[in-house]
Structures are given as structure tokens and as C-alpha cells.
Amino acid sequence: MSKALLKYVRVSPTKARLVAREVQGMNAELALASLEFMPNKAAGIIAKVIASAVANGDMEPEDAVITSCRVDKAAVMKRWRPRARGTASRIIKPTSHILVEVAEQKEEKTAKKGA
């Protein structure tokens, strides 16, 4: 099993979790192909992390399965925007940590016992 961790990515963890749940348990090659056509910003980022996890384990994407894809909350950048009457309102820019674990796909036996 190999893993890859990308820290302090400038994408909201709630939006990234929607994409992470879609690819969890998938074949890595199929996950990379489906992420390529998703319009989300997080899809491209998660695809790079999956490719990195596969490369870390010296595997081919067709032989790997995504065992876990986790998105955790990271530090929040706080900015200020001027508003009416000389006041200010806070802008919150969330960041996230993305962890992907990939394992070798086990060969499934198609022949039955005694057949």
C-alpha cells in the first residue's frame, strides 16, 4: 500500500469531499479517467494526488485500487473587505489536506472450486 498527501490546498474541504467520495474504492485508472471530465476544481487536484500515490508505490494505474481518499480541514485564511459606513466584513478562504491511499488490486478467481 502506498499513499500521497497534499497539504494546504486552496480548495474548500466540503467541495473536495464530494469528489473524493466518488473515487473511493475505484480502480485508479478508471478514477483518473472519470476525474478528467469532472468540472470541479478539486477533481484536477485529486487526480494529481492519485497519480502521485500510484507512482509512490511503483504500480501501474490499471493494477491499483484507491482504498481511501480523505479530505481534511486545514488552516483558514482570513481576509477583510470594506463595506458600507467604514465597516469591514470578513472573507474566509478555506484550505484542505488531501490524503490518498492506493493498494495493489487482488486477482479475482473466476473459476469455481471443483469445476
C-alpha atoms as a PDB file:
ATOM      1  CA  MET A   1       0.000   0.000   0.000  1.00  0.00           C
ATOM      2  CA  SER A   2       1.281   3.456  -0.849  1.00  0.00           C
ATOM      3  CA  LYS A   3      -0.034   6.906  -0.100  1.00  0.00           C
ATOM      4  CA  ALA A   4       0.314  10.537  -1.091  1.00  0.00           C
ATOM      5  CA  LEU A   5      -0.517  13.636   0.940  1.00  0.00           C
ATOM      6  CA  LEU A   6      -1.075  17.126  -0.424  1.00  0.00           C
ATOM      7  CA  LYS A   7      -1.223  19.812   2.240  1.00  0.00           C
ATOM      8  CA  TYR A   8      -2.685  23.321   2.319  1.00  0.00           C
ATOM      9  CA  VAL A   9      -4.529  23.150  -1.000  1.00  0.00           C
ATOM     10  CA  ARG A  10      -6.614  26.239  -1.684  1.00  0.00           C
ATOM     11  CA  VAL A  11      -9.921  24.408  -2.134  1.00  0.00           C
ATOM     12  CA  SER A  12     -12.815  24.065   0.288  1.00  0.00           C
ATOM     13  CA  PRO A  13     -12.833  20.698   2.106  1.00  0.00           C
ATOM     14  CA  THR A  14     -16.605  20.310   1.755  1.00  0.00           C
ATOM     15  CA  LYS A  15     -16.404  20.728  -2.023  1.00  0.00           C
ATOM     16  CA  ALA A  16     -13.392  18.427  -2.293  1.00  0.00           C
ATOM     17  CA  ARG A  17     -15.103  15.696  -0.228  1.00  0.00           C
ATOM     18  CA  LEU A  18     -17.854  15.442  -2.853  1.00  0.00           C
ATOM     19  CA  VAL A  19     -15.255  14.455  -5.432  1.00  0.00           C
ATOM     20  CA  ALA A  20     -13.286  12.242  -3.017  1.00  0.00           C
ATOM     21  CA  ARG A  21     -16.346  10.121  -2.221  1.00  0.00           C
ATOM     22  CA  GLU A  22     -16.907   9.451  -5.923  1.00  0.00           C
ATOM     23  CA  VAL A  23     -13.483   7.863  -6.486  1.00  0.00           C
ATOM     24  CA  GLN A  24     -13.115   5.935  -3.232  1.00  0.00           C
ATOM     25  CA  GLY A  25     -12.877   2.190  -3.900  1.00  0.00           C
ATOM     26  CA  MET A  26     -12.415   2.642  -7.649  1.00  0.00           C
ATOM     27  CA  ASN A  27      -9.674   1.321  -9.874  1.00  0.00           C
ATOM     28  CA  ALA A  28      -7.028   4.060 -10.182  1.00  0.00           C
ATOM     29  CA  GLU A  29      -7.115   4.101 -13.985  1.00  0.00           C
ATOM     30  CA  LEU A  30     -10.919   4.406 -14.034  1.00  0.00           C
ATOM     31  CA  ALA A  31     -10.805   7.106 -11.346  1.00  0.00           C
ATOM     32  CA  LEU A  32      -8.264   9.185 -13.279  1.00  0.00           C
ATOM     33  CA  ALA A  33     -10.363   8.896 -16.441  1.00  0.00           C
ATOM     34  CA  SER A  34     -13.559   9.975 -14.685  1.00  0.00           C
ATOM     35  CA  LEU A  35     -11.872  12.857 -12.835  1.00  0.00           C
ATOM     36  CA  GLU A  36     -10.579  14.228 -16.134  1.00  0.00           C
ATOM     37  CA  PHE A  37     -14.128  15.086 -17.227  1.00  0.00           C
ATOM     38  CA  MET A  38     -15.429  16.493 -13.932  1.00  0.00           C
ATOM     39  CA  PRO A  39     -15.836  20.291 -13.995  1.00  0.00           C
ATOM     40  CA  ASN A  40     -14.813  20.790 -10.349  1.00  0.00           C
ATOM     41  CA  LYS A  41     -11.537  22.433  -9.336  1.00  0.00           C
ATOM     42  CA  ALA A  42     -10.990  19.692  -6.759  1.00  0.00           C
ATOM     43  CA  ALA A  43     -11.196  16.968  -9.430  1.00  0.00           C
ATOM     44  CA  GLY A  44      -7.946  18.035 -11.076  1.00  0.00           C
ATOM     45  CA  ILE A  45      -6.177  18.330  -7.738  1.00  0.00           C
ATOM     46  CA  ILE A  46      -7.326  14.900  -6.525  1.00  0.00           C
ATOM     47  CA  ALA A  47      -6.317  13.364  -9.869  1.00  0.00           C
ATOM     48  CA  LYS A  48      -2.746  14.598  -9.356  1.00  0.00           C
ATOM     49  CA  VAL A  49      -2.662  13.166  -5.830  1.00  0.00           C
ATOM     50  CA  ILE A  50      -3.931   9.780  -7.078  1.00  0.00           C
ATOM     51  CA  ALA A  51      -1.270   9.732  -9.798  1.00  0.00           C
ATOM     52  CA  SER A  52       1.358  10.560  -7.173  1.00  0.00           C
ATOM     53  CA  ALA A  53       0.195   7.772  -4.847  1.00  0.00           C
ATOM     54  CA  VAL A  54       0.342   5.249  -7.699  1.00  0.00           C
ATOM     55  CA  ALA A  55       3.839   6.419  -8.632  1.00  0.00           C
ATOM     56  CA  ASN A  56       4.970   6.235  -4.993  1.00  0.00           C
ATOM     57  CA  GLY A  57       4.085   2.546  -4.916  1.00  0.00           C
ATOM     58  CA  ASP A  58       5.775   1.764  -8.274  1.00  0.00           C
ATOM     59  CA  MET A  59       2.476   0.441  -9.650  1.00  0.00           C
ATOM     60  CA  GLU A  60       0.609   0.804 -12.881  1.00  0.00           C
ATOM     61  CA  PRO A  61      -2.759   2.628 -12.659  1.00  0.00           C
ATOM     62  CA  GLU A  62      -4.644  -0.400 -14.009  1.00  0.00           C
ATOM     63  CA  ASP A  63      -3.246  -2.586 -11.193  1.00  0.00           C
ATOM     64  CA  ALA A  64      -4.075  -0.192  -8.328  1.00  0.00           C
ATOM     65  CA  VAL A  65      -7.238   0.379  -6.291  1.00  0.00           C
ATOM     66  CA  ILE A  66      -7.963   3.502  -4.247  1.00  0.00           C
ATOM     67  CA  THR A  67      -8.527   2.194  -0.721  1.00  0.00           C
ATOM     68  CA  SER A  68      -9.084   5.584   0.881  1.00  0.00           C
ATOM     69  CA  CYS A  69      -9.372   9.167  -0.293  1.00  0.00           C
ATOM     70  CA  ARG A  70      -9.668  11.559   2.619  1.00  0.00           C
ATOM     71  CA  VAL A  71     -10.036  15.346   2.700  1.00  0.00           C
ATOM     72  CA  ASP A  72      -9.301  17.083   6.000  1.00  0.00           C
ATOM     73  CA  LYS A  73      -9.755  20.696   7.017  1.00  0.00           C
ATOM     74  CA  ALA A  74      -6.586  22.791   7.155  1.00  0.00           C
ATOM     75  CA  ALA A  75      -5.841  26.366   8.209  1.00  0.00           C
ATOM     76  CA  VAL A  76      -8.241  29.103   7.146  1.00  0.00           C
ATOM     77  CA  MET A  77      -7.000  32.311   5.558  1.00  0.00           C
ATOM     78  CA  LYS A  78      -8.884  35.338   6.836  1.00  0.00           C
ATOM     79  CA  ARG A  79      -9.185  38.445   4.681  1.00  0.00           C
ATOM     80  CA  TRP A  80     -11.150  41.683   5.030  1.00  0.00           C
ATOM     81  CA  ARG A  81     -13.393  43.509   2.582  1.00  0.00           C
ATOM     82  CA  PRO A  82     -14.508  47.116   3.018  1.00  0.00           C
ATOM     83  CA  ARG A  83     -18.245  47.593   3.432  1.00  0.00           C
ATOM     84  CA  ALA A  84     -20.659  50.464   3.877  1.00  0.00           C
ATOM     85  CA  ARG A  85     -20.168  53.192   6.507  1.00  0.00           C
ATOM     86  CA  GLY A  86     -16.494  52.433   7.044  1.00  0.00           C
ATOM     87  CA  THR A  87     -17.019  48.916   8.367  1.00  0.00           C
ATOM     88  CA  ALA A  88     -15.372  45.709   7.208  1.00  0.00           C
ATOM     89  CA  SER A  89     -16.605  42.170   6.691  1.00  0.00           C
ATOM     90  CA  ARG A  90     -14.529  39.042   6.951  1.00  0.00           C
ATOM     91  CA  ILE A  91     -13.802  36.756   3.997  1.00  0.00           C
ATOM     92  CA  ILE A  92     -12.882  33.183   4.890  1.00  0.00           C
ATOM     93  CA  LYS A  93     -10.695  31.271   2.412  1.00  0.00           C
ATOM     94  CA  PRO A  94     -10.551  27.615   3.483  1.00  0.00           C
ATOM     95  CA  THR A  95      -7.699  25.236   2.708  1.00  0.00           C
ATOM     96  CA  SER A  96      -7.555  21.451   2.954  1.00  0.00           C
ATOM     97  CA  HIS A  97      -5.255  18.438   3.217  1.00  0.00           C
ATOM     98  CA  ILE A  98      -5.857  15.584   0.731  1.00  0.00           C
ATOM     99  CA  LEU A  99      -4.672  12.049   1.569  1.00  0.00           C
ATOM    100  CA  VAL A 100      -4.948   9.192  -0.944  1.00  0.00           C
ATOM    101  CA  GLU A 101      -4.058   5.572  -0.158  1.00  0.00           C
ATOM    102  CA  VAL A 102      -3.632   3.095  -3.009  1.00  0.00           C
ATOM    103  CA  ALA A 103      -3.237  -0.692  -2.787  1.00  0.00           C
ATOM    104  CA  GLU A 104      -2.412  -3.445  -5.240  1.00  0.00           C
ATOM    105  CA  GLN A 105      -5.523  -4.956  -6.828  1.00  0.00           C
ATOM    106  CA  LYS A 106      -6.067  -8.564  -5.841  1.00  0.00           C
ATOM    107  CA  GLU A 107      -6.686 -11.068  -8.604  1.00  0.00           C
ATOM    108  CA  GLU A 108     -10.239 -12.346  -8.543  1.00  0.00           C
ATOM    109  CA  LYS A 109     -10.782 -16.039  -9.150  1.00  0.00           C
ATOM    110  CA  THR A 110     -13.285 -16.634 -11.901  1.00  0.00           C
ATOM    111  CA  ALA A 111     -13.195 -20.432 -11.778  1.00  0.00           C
ATOM    112  CA  LYS A 112     -15.289 -22.197  -9.168  1.00  0.00           C
ATOM    113  CA  LYS A 113     -13.916 -24.868  -6.889  1.00  0.00           C
ATOM    114  CA  GLY A 114     -14.159 -28.371  -8.340  1.00  0.00           C
ATOM    115  CA  ALA A 115     -15.194 -27.147 -11.780  1.00  0.00           C
END
